Amino acid sequence: MKSIYYIIATLLLLAAFFSCQNNSGSSQTGETAGAGDKKIGVLLVNHGSRSETWRNELLRLEKNVTDSILHSGDVKGLKTAFMEYTEPSIATRLKEFDKEGFTDIVIIPVFLTVSPHTFEDIPTIIGQKEDPESKEMLKLEKIERYTPKAKTHVTPTLDFTNVLKNNVLKRVTALSKEPEKEGLVLIGYGDEKYEKEWIDLFNNVAEFVKEKVGIDQHTYGWCGHIAHYSSDKTSEAINAVLAKKEKAVVIPVLVAHDEMFQIKIIGGGIEKVKDSKSKVSYKPDSILPDTDIEKWVTDVAKEYVDKAKAEK
């Protein structure tokens, strides 16, 4: 009988020993855990807007990519965060991921190109950078910063693909009637600090579209803070094209529809143009919705989730 008790006690001790060994190899942050121990989430981050129409389009994007991103089982959670103006904020979502025990978060900025938001503000919010200028701006804007326990992985923005070129091409094709008589006008938010990058992006998109459609003139203008939210820059860009062409095709290069931008600013700028009803073709639409962007989100999520899984 004593020998049986001895064997049972020995087995229990061995089980406890190996359990301790296994637990000592795990990590809350996923830095030392094996890929199988990781719990990975995906966070879609956008600028945010006071417009409910704008916000709903970004929430619709999340809904449309959910099945594709969660299908493999590698991603255990998908959320959307608004950088400013409204909740759920980035900090709110990161706290949720931490509370739910996630070890890694893949952050996908649904932005057109580099800007202070993507290059400085978002990394500062999530604790990847300590940019003094950004910290002061976030404080003034009352945007909360939060460094999660989970490891964060930030993907590139949309301009690293051909998605934007094809998106604008489809919208120009739908509006263009006589390409040889038309000029293309691209209107975007703009950015003072990264104006060169924005201009390069718009010129690249315009040249691509012109080659495909047959339009041979283009201009661009800004509708955001770089233009002081004035419609005048839209009018100026359209008139620059109309000085050389009979008609202008105006495309808002904005992620989603916001009544202030597509209607008040861009629409207001068009109204100031002489004979705009006959000379300007315009639809107050946006980049979203677009199935190609949904595919981009799914693809870049998979790419960075695979990288997170491979890290030790």
C-alpha atoms as a PDB file:
ATOM      1  CA  MET A   1       0.000   0.000   0.000  1.00  0.00           C
ATOM      2  CA  LYS A   2       2.819   2.426   0.856  1.00  0.00           C
ATOM      3  CA  SER A   3       4.372   1.795  -2.553  1.00  0.00           C
ATOM      4  CA  ILE A   4       1.138   2.811  -4.271  1.00  0.00           C
ATOM      5  CA  TYR A   5       1.001   6.048  -2.288  1.00  0.00           C
ATOM      6  CA  TYR A   6       4.661   6.661  -3.178  1.00  0.00           C
ATOM      7  CA  ILE A   7       3.995   6.210  -6.906  1.00  0.00           C
ATOM      8  CA  ILE A   8       0.957   8.530  -6.810  1.00  0.00           C
ATOM      9  CA  ALA A   9       2.889  11.203  -4.916  1.00  0.00           C
ATOM     10  CA  THR A  10       5.773  10.954  -7.382  1.00  0.00           C
ATOM     11  CA  LEU A  11       3.425  11.360 -10.355  1.00  0.00           C
ATOM     12  CA  LEU A  12       1.784  14.402  -8.788  1.00  0.00           C
ATOM     13  CA  LEU A  13       5.165  16.019  -8.161  1.00  0.00           C
ATOM     14  CA  LEU A  14       6.249  15.376 -11.743  1.00  0.00           C
ATOM     15  CA  ALA A  15       3.004  16.855 -13.088  1.00  0.00           C
ATOM     16  CA  ALA A  16       3.460  19.980 -10.968  1.00  0.00           C
ATOM     17  CA  PHE A  17       7.075  20.308 -12.109  1.00  0.00           C
ATOM     18  CA  PHE A  18       6.248  20.162 -15.811  1.00  0.00           C
ATOM     19  CA  SER A  19       3.305  22.531 -15.339  1.00  0.00           C
ATOM     20  CA  CYS A  20       5.646  25.101 -13.781  1.00  0.00           C
ATOM     21  CA  GLN A  21       8.142  24.639 -16.595  1.00  0.00           C
ATOM     22  CA  ASN A  22       5.449  25.287 -19.225  1.00  0.00           C
ATOM     23  CA  ASN A  23       4.100  28.360 -17.439  1.00  0.00           C
ATOM     24  CA  SER A  24       7.553  29.892 -17.063  1.00  0.00           C
ATOM     25  CA  GLY A  25       7.917  30.013 -20.865  1.00  0.00           C
ATOM     26  CA  SER A  26       4.791  32.142 -21.462  1.00  0.00           C
ATOM     27  CA  SER A  27       4.538  35.947 -21.626  1.00  0.00           C
ATOM     28  CA  GLN A  28       1.670  38.428 -21.339  1.00  0.00           C
ATOM     29  CA  THR A  29       3.195  40.578 -24.086  1.00  0.00           C
ATOM     30  CA  GLY A  30       3.972  37.690 -26.405  1.00  0.00           C
ATOM     31  CA  GLU A  31       7.638  38.694 -26.598  1.00  0.00           C
ATOM     32  CA  THR A  32       8.922  35.298 -25.439  1.00  0.00           C
ATOM     33  CA  ALA A  33       5.840  33.191 -26.048  1.00  0.00           C
ATOM     34  CA  GLY A  34       5.685  30.754 -28.926  1.00  0.00           C
ATOM     35  CA  ALA A  35       3.335  31.474 -31.825  1.00  0.00           C
ATOM     36  CA  GLY A  36       0.790  29.065 -30.383  1.00  0.00           C
ATOM     37  CA  ASP A  37       0.646  31.069 -27.143  1.00  0.00           C
ATOM     38  CA  LYS A  38      -0.169  34.335 -28.868  1.00  0.00           C
ATOM     39  CA  LYS A  39      -3.580  35.958 -29.017  1.00  0.00           C
ATOM     40  CA  ILE A  40      -3.576  38.387 -31.944  1.00  0.00           C
ATOM     41  CA  GLY A  41      -6.078  41.159 -32.628  1.00  0.00           C
ATOM     42  CA  VAL A  42      -6.522  43.597 -35.497  1.00  0.00           C
ATOM     43  CA  LEU A  43      -7.397  47.268 -34.993  1.00  0.00           C
ATOM     44  CA  LEU A  44      -8.598  49.403 -37.912  1.00  0.00           C
ATOM     45  CA  VAL A  45      -7.674  53.011 -37.116  1.00  0.00           C
ATOM     46  CA  ASN A  46      -9.112  55.986 -38.966  1.00  0.00           C
ATOM     47  CA  HIS A  47      -9.044  59.760 -38.546  1.00  0.00           C
ATOM     48  CA  GLY A  48     -12.482  60.128 -37.046  1.00  0.00           C
ATOM     49  CA  SER A  49     -15.188  62.648 -37.898  1.00  0.00           C
ATOM     50  CA  ARG A  50     -18.148  64.459 -36.391  1.00  0.00           C
ATOM     51  CA  SER A  51     -20.170  63.155 -39.347  1.00  0.00           C
ATOM     52  CA  GLU A  52     -22.200  60.048 -38.571  1.00  0.00           C
ATOM     53  CA  THR A  53     -22.243  59.228 -42.297  1.00  0.00           C
ATOM     54  CA  TRP A  54     -18.435  59.206 -42.289  1.00  0.00           C
ATOM     55  CA  ARG A  55     -18.171  57.056 -39.162  1.00  0.00           C
ATOM     56  CA  ASN A  56     -20.735  54.550 -40.404  1.00  0.00           C
ATOM     57  CA  GLU A  57     -18.732  53.975 -43.584  1.00  0.00           C
ATOM     58  CA  LEU A  58     -15.681  52.995 -41.533  1.00  0.00           C
ATOM     59  CA  LEU A  59     -17.781  50.710 -39.337  1.00  0.00           C
ATOM     60  CA  ARG A  60     -19.189  49.156 -42.519  1.00  0.00           C
ATOM     61  CA  LEU A  61     -15.624  48.503 -43.673  1.00  0.00           C
ATOM     62  CA  GLU A  62     -14.969  46.582 -40.449  1.00  0.00           C
ATOM     63  CA  LYS A  63     -18.157  44.563 -40.908  1.00  0.00           C
ATOM     64  CA  ASN A  64     -17.304  43.699 -44.515  1.00  0.00           C
ATOM     65  CA  VAL A  65     -13.806  42.378 -43.704  1.00  0.00           C
ATOM     66  CA  THR A  66     -14.657  40.559 -40.461  1.00  0.00           C
ATOM     67  CA  ASP A  67     -15.298  37.114 -41.941  1.00  0.00           C
ATOM     68  CA  SER A  68     -12.177  37.213 -44.140  1.00  0.00           C
ATOM     69  CA  ILE A  69      -9.879  38.299 -41.306  1.00  0.00           C
ATOM     70  CA  LEU A  70     -11.252  35.930 -38.673  1.00  0.00           C
ATOM     71  CA  HIS A  71     -11.658  32.956 -41.014  1.00  0.00           C
ATOM     72  CA  SER A  72      -8.210  31.382 -40.499  1.00  0.00           C
ATOM     73  CA  GLY A  73      -8.464  31.498 -36.715  1.00  0.00           C
ATOM     74  CA  ASP A  74      -5.143  33.342 -36.377  1.00  0.00           C
ATOM     75  CA  VAL A  75      -6.950  36.571 -35.438  1.00  0.00           C
ATOM     76  CA  LYS A  76      -9.094  36.411 -32.313  1.00  0.00           C
ATOM     77  CA  GLY A  77     -10.594  39.896 -32.414  1.00  0.00           C
ATOM     78  CA  LEU A  78     -11.258  42.782 -34.815  1.00  0.00           C
ATOM     79  CA  LYS A  79     -12.154  46.343 -33.781  1.00  0.00           C
ATOM     80  CA  THR A  80     -12.362  49.877 -35.200  1.00  0.00           C
ATOM     81  CA  ALA A  81     -11.019  53.002 -33.485  1.00  0.00           C
ATOM     82  CA  PHE A  82     -11.454  56.703 -34.280  1.00  0.00           C
ATOM     83  CA  MET A  83      -8.364  58.799 -33.658  1.00  0.00           C
ATOM     84  CA  GLU A  84     -10.317  61.910 -32.717  1.00  0.00           C
ATOM     85  CA  TYR A  85     -13.758  63.516 -32.381  1.00  0.00           C
ATOM     86  CA  THR A  86     -15.572  60.422 -31.135  1.00  0.00           C
ATOM     87  CA  GLU A  87     -15.440  57.113 -29.299  1.00  0.00           C
ATOM     88  CA  PRO A  88     -14.317  54.383 -29.393  1.00  0.00           C
ATOM     89  CA  SER A  89     -10.873  55.994 -29.395  1.00  0.00           C
ATOM     90  CA  ILE A  90      -7.558  54.225 -29.969  1.00  0.00           C
ATOM     91  CA  ALA A  91      -6.852  54.210 -26.224  1.00  0.00           C
ATOM     92  CA  THR A  92     -10.282  52.751 -25.475  1.00  0.00           C
ATOM     93  CA  ARG A  93      -9.790  49.905 -27.932  1.00  0.00           C
ATOM     94  CA  LEU A  94      -6.242  49.135 -26.711  1.00  0.00           C
ATOM     95  CA  LYS A  95      -7.507  48.900 -23.138  1.00  0.00           C
ATOM     96  CA  GLU A  96     -10.176  46.469 -24.312  1.00  0.00           C
ATOM     97  CA  PHE A  97      -7.568  44.302 -26.054  1.00  0.00           C
ATOM     98  CA  ASP A  98      -5.455  44.274 -22.883  1.00  0.00           C
ATOM     99  CA  LYS A  99      -8.435  43.361 -20.723  1.00  0.00           C
ATOM    100  CA  GLU A 100      -9.235  40.494 -23.093  1.00  0.00           C
ATOM    101  CA  GLY A 101      -5.700  39.117 -22.824  1.00  0.00           C
ATOM    102  CA  PHE A 102      -4.366  39.862 -26.303  1.00  0.00           C
ATOM    103  CA  THR A 103      -0.603  39.569 -26.731  1.00  0.00           C
ATOM    104  CA  ASP A 104      -0.298  41.281 -30.140  1.00  0.00           C
ATOM    105  CA  ILE A 105      -2.300  43.945 -31.969  1.00  0.00           C
ATOM    106  CA  VAL A 106      -1.938  44.637 -35.688  1.00  0.00           C
ATOM    107  CA  ILE A 107      -2.901  48.279 -36.292  1.00  0.00           C
ATOM    108  CA  ILE A 108      -4.049  49.161 -39.809  1.00  0.00           C
ATOM    109  CA  PRO A 109      -4.212  52.944 -40.442  1.00  0.00           C
ATOM    110  CA  VAL A 110      -7.011  53.521 -42.962  1.00  0.00           C
ATOM    111  CA  PHE A 111      -5.332  56.696 -44.246  1.00  0.00           C
ATOM    112  CA  LEU A 112      -4.304  57.749 -47.755  1.00  0.00           C
ATOM    113  CA  THR A 113      -0.641  58.487 -47.146  1.00  0.00           C
ATOM    114  CA  VAL A 114       1.890  59.669 -44.587  1.00  0.00           C
ATOM    115  CA  SER A 115       0.898  62.572 -42.370  1.00  0.00           C
ATOM    116  CA  PRO A 116       1.548  63.758 -38.821  1.00  0.00           C
ATOM    117  CA  HIS A 117      -1.350  61.500 -37.822  1.00  0.00           C
ATOM    118  CA  THR A 118       0.176  58.314 -39.224  1.00  0.00           C
ATOM    119  CA  PHE A 119       3.855  59.104 -38.707  1.00  0.00           C
ATOM    120  CA  GLU A 120       3.742  60.860 -35.336  1.00  0.00           C
ATOM    121  CA  ASP A 121       0.339  60.976 -33.623  1.00  0.00           C
ATOM    122  CA  ILE A 122      -0.710  57.317 -33.787  1.00  0.00           C
ATOM    123  CA  PRO A 123       2.753  56.003 -32.745  1.00  0.00           C
ATOM    124  CA  THR A 124       2.733  58.525 -29.875  1.00  0.00           C
ATOM    125  CA  ILE A 125      -0.780  57.530 -28.794  1.00  0.00           C
ATOM    126  CA  ILE A 126       0.156  53.846 -28.595  1.00  0.00           C
ATOM    127  CA  GLY A 127       3.537  54.418 -26.922  1.00  0.00           C
ATOM    128  CA  GLN A 128       5.829  53.600 -29.847  1.00  0.00           C
ATOM    129  CA  LYS A 129       7.157  57.186 -30.021  1.00  0.00           C
ATOM    130  CA  GLU A 130       7.601  60.154 -27.699  1.00  0.00           C
ATOM    131  CA  ASP A 131       7.203  63.023 -30.151  1.00  0.00           C
ATOM    132  CA  PRO A 132       7.057  66.303 -28.132  1.00  0.00           C
ATOM    133  CA  GLU A 133       5.053  68.210 -30.754  1.00  0.00           C
ATOM    134  CA  SER A 134       2.585  65.366 -31.114  1.00  0.00           C
ATOM    135  CA  LYS A 135       2.245  64.983 -27.337  1.00  0.00           C
ATOM    136  CA  GLU A 136       1.359  68.653 -27.015  1.00  0.00           C
ATOM    137  CA  MET A 137      -1.186  68.437 -29.840  1.00  0.00           C
ATOM    138  CA  LEU A 138      -2.797  65.344 -28.327  1.00  0.00           C
ATOM    139  CA  LYS A 139      -3.007  67.090 -24.976  1.00  0.00           C
ATOM    140  CA  LEU A 140      -4.688  70.139 -26.511  1.00  0.00           C
ATOM    141  CA  GLU A 141      -7.103  67.957 -28.458  1.00  0.00           C
ATOM    142  CA  LYS A 142      -7.775  65.869 -25.329  1.00  0.00           C
ATOM    143  CA  ILE A 143      -6.793  62.675 -27.137  1.00  0.00           C
ATOM    144  CA  GLU A 144      -5.810  59.997 -24.627  1.00  0.00           C
ATOM    145  CA  ARG A 145      -2.502  58.172 -24.916  1.00  0.00           C
ATOM    146  CA  TYR A 146      -2.215  54.559 -23.823  1.00  0.00           C
ATOM    147  CA  THR A 147       0.668  52.104 -24.063  1.00  0.00           C
ATOM    148  CA  PRO A 148      -0.810  48.600 -24.140  1.00  0.00           C
ATOM    149  CA  LYS A 149       0.663  45.497 -22.558  1.00  0.00           C
ATOM    150  CA  ALA A 150       0.172  43.829 -25.932  1.00  0.00           C
ATOM    151  CA  LYS A 151       2.830  44.320 -28.588  1.00  0.00           C
ATOM    152  CA  THR A 152       1.718  46.632 -31.409  1.00  0.00           C
ATOM    153  CA  HIS A 153       2.493  46.215 -35.106  1.00  0.00           C
ATOM    154  CA  VAL A 154       1.601  49.139 -37.432  1.00  0.00           C
ATOM    155  CA  THR A 155       1.059  48.505 -41.159  1.00  0.00           C
ATOM    156  CA  PRO A 156       1.666  50.920 -44.076  1.00  0.00           C
ATOM    157  CA  THR A 157      -1.076  53.218 -45.415  1.00  0.00           C
ATOM    158  CA  LEU A 158      -3.066  52.920 -48.648  1.00  0.00           C
ATOM    159  CA  ASP A 159      -0.596  54.724 -50.915  1.00  0.00           C
ATOM    160  CA  PHE A 160       1.788  51.744 -50.822  1.00  0.00           C
ATOM    161  CA  THR A 161      -0.565  49.965 -53.248  1.00  0.00           C
ATOM    162  CA  ASN A 162      -2.358  50.640 -56.556  1.00  0.00           C
ATOM    163  CA  VAL A 163      -5.740  50.620 -54.822  1.00  0.00           C
ATOM    164  CA  LEU A 164      -6.133  54.400 -54.823  1.00  0.00           C
ATOM    165  CA  LYS A 165      -5.208  54.710 -58.510  1.00  0.00           C
ATOM    166  CA  ASN A 166      -7.807  52.129 -59.500  1.00  0.00           C
ATOM    167  CA  ASN A 167     -10.405  53.644 -57.204  1.00  0.00           C
ATOM    168  CA  VAL A 168     -10.067  57.126 -58.735  1.00  0.00           C
ATOM    169  CA  LEU A 169      -9.982  55.612 -62.234  1.00  0.00           C
ATOM    170  CA  LYS A 170     -13.350  53.926 -61.692  1.00  0.00           C
ATOM    171  CA  ARG A 171     -14.939  57.141 -60.475  1.00  0.00           C
ATOM    172  CA  VAL A 172     -13.489  59.252 -63.288  1.00  0.00           C
ATOM    173  CA  THR A 173     -14.670  56.726 -65.874  1.00  0.00           C
ATOM    174  CA  ALA A 174     -18.209  56.948 -64.466  1.00  0.00           C
ATOM    175  CA  LEU A 175     -18.259  60.765 -64.850  1.00  0.00           C
ATOM    176  CA  SER A 176     -16.197  61.343 -67.987  1.00  0.00           C
ATOM    177  CA  LYS A 177     -18.129  61.854 -71.221  1.00  0.00           C
ATOM    178  CA  GLU A 178     -15.679  63.583 -73.585  1.00  0.00           C
ATOM    179  CA  PRO A 179     -12.105  62.996 -72.323  1.00  0.00           C
ATOM    180  CA  GLU A 180     -10.494  65.106 -75.029  1.00  0.00           C
ATOM    181  CA  LYS A 181     -12.457  68.149 -73.796  1.00  0.00           C
ATOM    182  CA  GLU A 182     -11.998  67.475 -70.066  1.00  0.00           C
ATOM    183  CA  GLY A 183      -9.448  68.117 -67.364  1.00  0.00           C
ATOM    184  CA  LEU A 184      -9.168  66.194 -64.083  1.00  0.00           C
ATOM    185  CA  VAL A 185      -9.362  67.929 -60.691  1.00  0.00           C
ATOM    186  CA  LEU A 186      -8.439  65.991 -57.551  1.00  0.00           C
ATOM    187  CA  ILE A 187      -9.474  67.500 -54.211  1.00  0.00           C
ATOM    188  CA  GLY A 188      -8.011  66.103 -50.994  1.00  0.00           C
ATOM    189  CA  TYR A 189      -7.605  67.028 -47.353  1.00  0.00           C
ATOM    190  CA  GLY A 190      -3.906  67.947 -47.715  1.00  0.00           C
ATOM    191  CA  ASP A 191      -1.144  68.399 -45.160  1.00  0.00           C
ATOM    192  CA  GLU A 192       1.329  71.231 -44.633  1.00  0.00           C
ATOM    193  CA  LYS A 193       4.172  69.163 -43.195  1.00  0.00           C
ATOM    194  CA  TYR A 194       3.945  66.420 -45.808  1.00  0.00           C
ATOM    195  CA  GLU A 195       2.701  68.519 -48.718  1.00  0.00           C
ATOM    196  CA  LYS A 196       5.359  67.128 -51.066  1.00  0.00           C
ATOM    197  CA  GLU A 197       4.231  63.553 -50.377  1.00  0.00           C
ATOM    198  CA  TRP A 198       0.607  64.504 -50.973  1.00  0.00           C
ATOM    199  CA  ILE A 199       1.462  66.303 -54.232  1.00  0.00           C
ATOM    200  CA  ASP A 200       3.505  63.318 -55.434  1.00  0.00           C
ATOM    201  CA  LEU A 201       0.627  60.984 -54.605  1.00  0.00           C
ATOM    202  CA  PHE A 202      -1.931  63.099 -56.436  1.00  0.00           C
ATOM    203  CA  ASN A 203       0.300  63.545 -59.477  1.00  0.00           C
ATOM    204  CA  ASN A 204       0.947  59.790 -59.669  1.00  0.00           C
ATOM    205  CA  VAL A 205      -2.768  59.026 -59.407  1.00  0.00           C
ATOM    206  CA  ALA A 206      -3.647  61.672 -61.996  1.00  0.00           C
ATOM    207  CA  GLU A 207      -1.044  60.475 -64.519  1.00  0.00           C
ATOM    208  CA  PHE A 208      -2.311  56.911 -64.163  1.00  0.00           C
ATOM    209  CA  VAL A 209      -5.921  57.976 -64.739  1.00  0.00           C
ATOM    210  CA  LYS A 210      -5.086  60.295 -67.638  1.00  0.00           C
ATOM    211  CA  GLU A 211      -3.255  57.513 -69.453  1.00  0.00           C
ATOM    212  CA  LYS A 212      -6.184  55.114 -69.020  1.00  0.00           C
ATOM    213  CA  VAL A 213      -9.017  57.552 -69.833  1.00  0.00           C
ATOM    214  CA  GLY A 214      -7.445  59.897 -72.372  1.00  0.00           C
ATOM    215  CA  ILE A 215      -7.658  63.099 -70.342  1.00  0.00           C
ATOM    216  CA  ASP A 216      -4.472  65.156 -70.804  1.00  0.00           C
ATOM    217  CA  GLN A 217      -4.752  67.919 -68.156  1.00  0.00           C
ATOM    218  CA  HIS A 218      -5.060  67.810 -64.367  1.00  0.00           C
ATOM    219  CA  THR A 219      -4.836  69.932 -61.247  1.00  0.00           C
ATOM    220  CA  TYR A 220      -5.339  69.331 -57.546  1.00  0.00           C
ATOM    221  CA  GLY A 221      -6.572  71.308 -54.573  1.00  0.00           C
ATOM    222  CA  TRP A 222      -6.997  71.010 -50.804  1.00  0.00           C
ATOM    223  CA  CYS A 223     -10.095  71.204 -48.644  1.00  0.00           C
ATOM    224  CA  GLY A 224      -8.663  70.571 -45.152  1.00  0.00           C
ATOM    225  CA  HIS A 225      -6.782  72.701 -42.643  1.00  0.00           C
ATOM    226  CA  ILE A 226      -4.047  73.441 -45.197  1.00  0.00           C
ATOM    227  CA  ALA A 227      -6.778  75.373 -47.084  1.00  0.00           C
ATOM    228  CA  HIS A 228      -8.311  76.630 -43.827  1.00  0.00           C
ATOM    229  CA  TYR A 229     -11.429  74.638 -44.734  1.00  0.00           C
ATOM    230  CA  SER A 230     -12.157  77.147 -47.489  1.00  0.00           C
ATOM    231  CA  SER A 231     -13.930  76.367 -50.764  1.00  0.00           C
ATOM    232  CA  ASP A 232     -11.723  78.851 -52.611  1.00  0.00           C
ATOM    233  CA  LYS A 233      -8.957  76.316 -53.289  1.00  0.00           C
ATOM    234  CA  THR A 234     -11.475  74.034 -54.984  1.00  0.00           C
ATOM    235  CA  SER A 235     -12.665  76.895 -57.198  1.00  0.00           C
ATOM    236  CA  GLU A 236      -9.080  77.827 -58.064  1.00  0.00           C
ATOM    237  CA  ALA A 237      -8.178  74.267 -59.062  1.00  0.00           C
ATOM    238  CA  ILE A 238     -11.253  73.938 -61.278  1.00  0.00           C
ATOM    239  CA  ASN A 239     -10.675  77.307 -62.950  1.00  0.00           C
ATOM    240  CA  ALA A 240      -7.049  76.321 -63.659  1.00  0.00           C
ATOM    241  CA  VAL A 241      -8.294  73.339 -65.655  1.00  0.00           C
ATOM    242  CA  LEU A 242     -11.069  75.296 -67.346  1.00  0.00           C
ATOM    243  CA  ALA A 243      -8.478  77.781 -68.611  1.00  0.00           C
ATOM    244  CA  LYS A 244      -7.248  74.964 -70.855  1.00  0.00           C
ATOM    245  CA  LYS A 245     -10.243  72.664 -71.222  1.00  0.00           C
ATOM    246  CA  GLU A 246     -13.979  73.028 -71.791  1.00  0.00           C
ATOM    247  CA  LYS A 247     -14.998  70.864 -68.849  1.00  0.00           C
ATOM    248  CA  ALA A 248     -13.688  69.645 -65.485  1.00  0.00           C
ATOM    249  CA  VAL A 249     -14.151  66.279 -63.799  1.00  0.00           C
ATOM    250  CA  VAL A 250     -13.868  66.792 -60.030  1.00  0.00           C
ATOM    251  CA  ILE A 251     -13.034  63.840 -57.764  1.00  0.00           C
ATOM    252  CA  PRO A 252     -12.985  64.068 -53.934  1.00  0.00           C
ATOM    253  CA  VAL A 253     -10.001  62.003 -52.779  1.00  0.00           C
ATOM    254  CA  LEU A 254     -11.373  61.501 -49.282  1.00  0.00           C
ATOM    255  CA  VAL A 255     -11.685  58.217 -47.382  1.00  0.00           C
ATOM    256  CA  ALA A 256     -15.395  58.557 -46.616  1.00  0.00           C
ATOM    257  CA  HIS A 257     -18.274  60.974 -47.099  1.00  0.00           C
ATOM    258  CA  ASP A 258     -18.445  63.947 -44.737  1.00  0.00           C
ATOM    259  CA  GLU A 259     -21.127  66.513 -45.453  1.00  0.00           C
ATOM    260  CA  MET A 260     -18.822  69.389 -44.531  1.00  0.00           C
ATOM    261  CA  PHE A 261     -16.189  68.403 -47.104  1.00  0.00           C
ATOM    262  CA  GLN A 262     -18.035  66.837 -50.048  1.00  0.00           C
ATOM    263  CA  ILE A 263     -21.063  69.155 -49.870  1.00  0.00           C
ATOM    264  CA  LYS A 264     -20.142  72.416 -48.152  1.00  0.00           C
ATOM    265  CA  ILE A 265     -16.480  72.881 -49.107  1.00  0.00           C
ATOM    266  CA  ILE A 266     -16.042  71.070 -52.434  1.00  0.00           C
ATOM    267  CA  GLY A 267     -19.655  71.575 -53.533  1.00  0.00           C
ATOM    268  CA  GLY A 268     -19.469  75.207 -52.470  1.00  0.00           C
ATOM    269  CA  GLY A 269     -16.276  75.682 -54.479  1.00  0.00           C
ATOM    270  CA  ILE A 270     -17.943  74.252 -57.567  1.00  0.00           C
ATOM    271  CA  GLU A 271     -20.900  76.625 -57.206  1.00  0.00           C
ATOM    272  CA  LYS A 272     -18.511  79.604 -57.390  1.00  0.00           C
ATOM    273  CA  VAL A 273     -17.268  78.506 -60.810  1.00  0.00           C
ATOM    274  CA  LYS A 274     -18.961  80.286 -63.700  1.00  0.00           C
ATOM    275  CA  ASP A 275     -21.357  78.024 -65.634  1.00  0.00           C
ATOM    276  CA  SER A 276     -20.474  75.159 -63.269  1.00  0.00           C
ATOM    277  CA  LYS A 277     -23.644  73.209 -64.076  1.00  0.00           C
ATOM    278  CA  SER A 278     -22.578  72.745 -67.681  1.00  0.00           C
ATOM    279  CA  LYS A 279     -18.805  72.752 -67.197  1.00  0.00           C
ATOM    280  CA  VAL A 280     -18.224  70.648 -64.079  1.00  0.00           C
ATOM    281  CA  SER A 281     -18.939  66.948 -63.567  1.00  0.00           C
ATOM    282  CA  TYR A 282     -19.020  66.022 -59.895  1.00  0.00           C
ATOM    283  CA  LYS A 283     -20.402  63.365 -57.590  1.00  0.00           C
ATOM    284  CA  PRO A 284     -20.022  63.947 -53.825  1.00  0.00           C
ATOM    285  CA  ASP A 285     -18.738  60.445 -53.207  1.00  0.00           C
ATOM    286  CA  SER A 286     -15.608  59.052 -51.526  1.00  0.00           C
ATOM    287  CA  ILE A 287     -13.001  56.323 -51.737  1.00  0.00           C
ATOM    288  CA  LEU A 288     -15.180  54.027 -49.639  1.00  0.00           C
ATOM    289  CA  PRO A 289     -17.021  51.790 -50.245  1.00  0.00           C
ATOM    290  CA  ASP A 290     -14.594  49.775 -52.351  1.00  0.00           C
ATOM    291  CA  THR A 291     -14.155  46.003 -52.418  1.00  0.00           C
ATOM    292  CA  ASP A 292     -10.504  46.485 -53.432  1.00  0.00           C
ATOM    293  CA  ILE A 293      -9.874  48.360 -50.196  1.00  0.00           C
ATOM    294  CA  GLU A 294     -11.574  45.577 -48.273  1.00  0.00           C
ATOM    295  CA  LYS A 295      -9.176  43.149 -49.941  1.00  0.00           C
ATOM    296  CA  TRP A 296      -6.224  45.426 -49.075  1.00  0.00           C
ATOM    297  CA  VAL A 297      -7.271  45.444 -45.425  1.00  0.00           C
ATOM    298  CA  THR A 298      -7.574  41.658 -45.422  1.00  0.00           C
ATOM    299  CA  ASP A 299      -4.241  41.147 -47.185  1.00  0.00           C
ATOM    300  CA  VAL A 300      -2.209  43.573 -45.055  1.00  0.00           C
ATOM    301  CA  ALA A 301      -3.792  42.122 -41.921  1.00  0.00           C
ATOM    302  CA  LYS A 302      -2.684  38.618 -42.917  1.00  0.00           C
ATOM    303  CA  GLU A 303       0.825  39.826 -43.781  1.00  0.00           C
ATOM    304  CA  TYR A 304       1.372  41.472 -40.403  1.00  0.00           C
ATOM    305  CA  VAL A 305      -0.404  38.767 -38.421  1.00  0.00           C
ATOM    306  CA  ASP A 306       1.994  36.242 -39.978  1.00  0.00           C
ATOM    307  CA  LYS A 307       4.910  38.462 -38.952  1.00  0.00           C
ATOM    308  CA  ALA A 308       3.565  38.678 -35.396  1.00  0.00           C
ATOM    309  CA  LYS A 309       3.190  34.905 -35.241  1.00  0.00           C
ATOM    310  CA  ALA A 310       6.785  34.398 -36.387  1.00  0.00           C
ATOM    311  CA  GLU A 311       8.292  36.714 -33.792  1.00  0.00           C
ATOM    312  CA  LYS A 312       9.672  35.186 -30.622  1.00  0.00           C
END
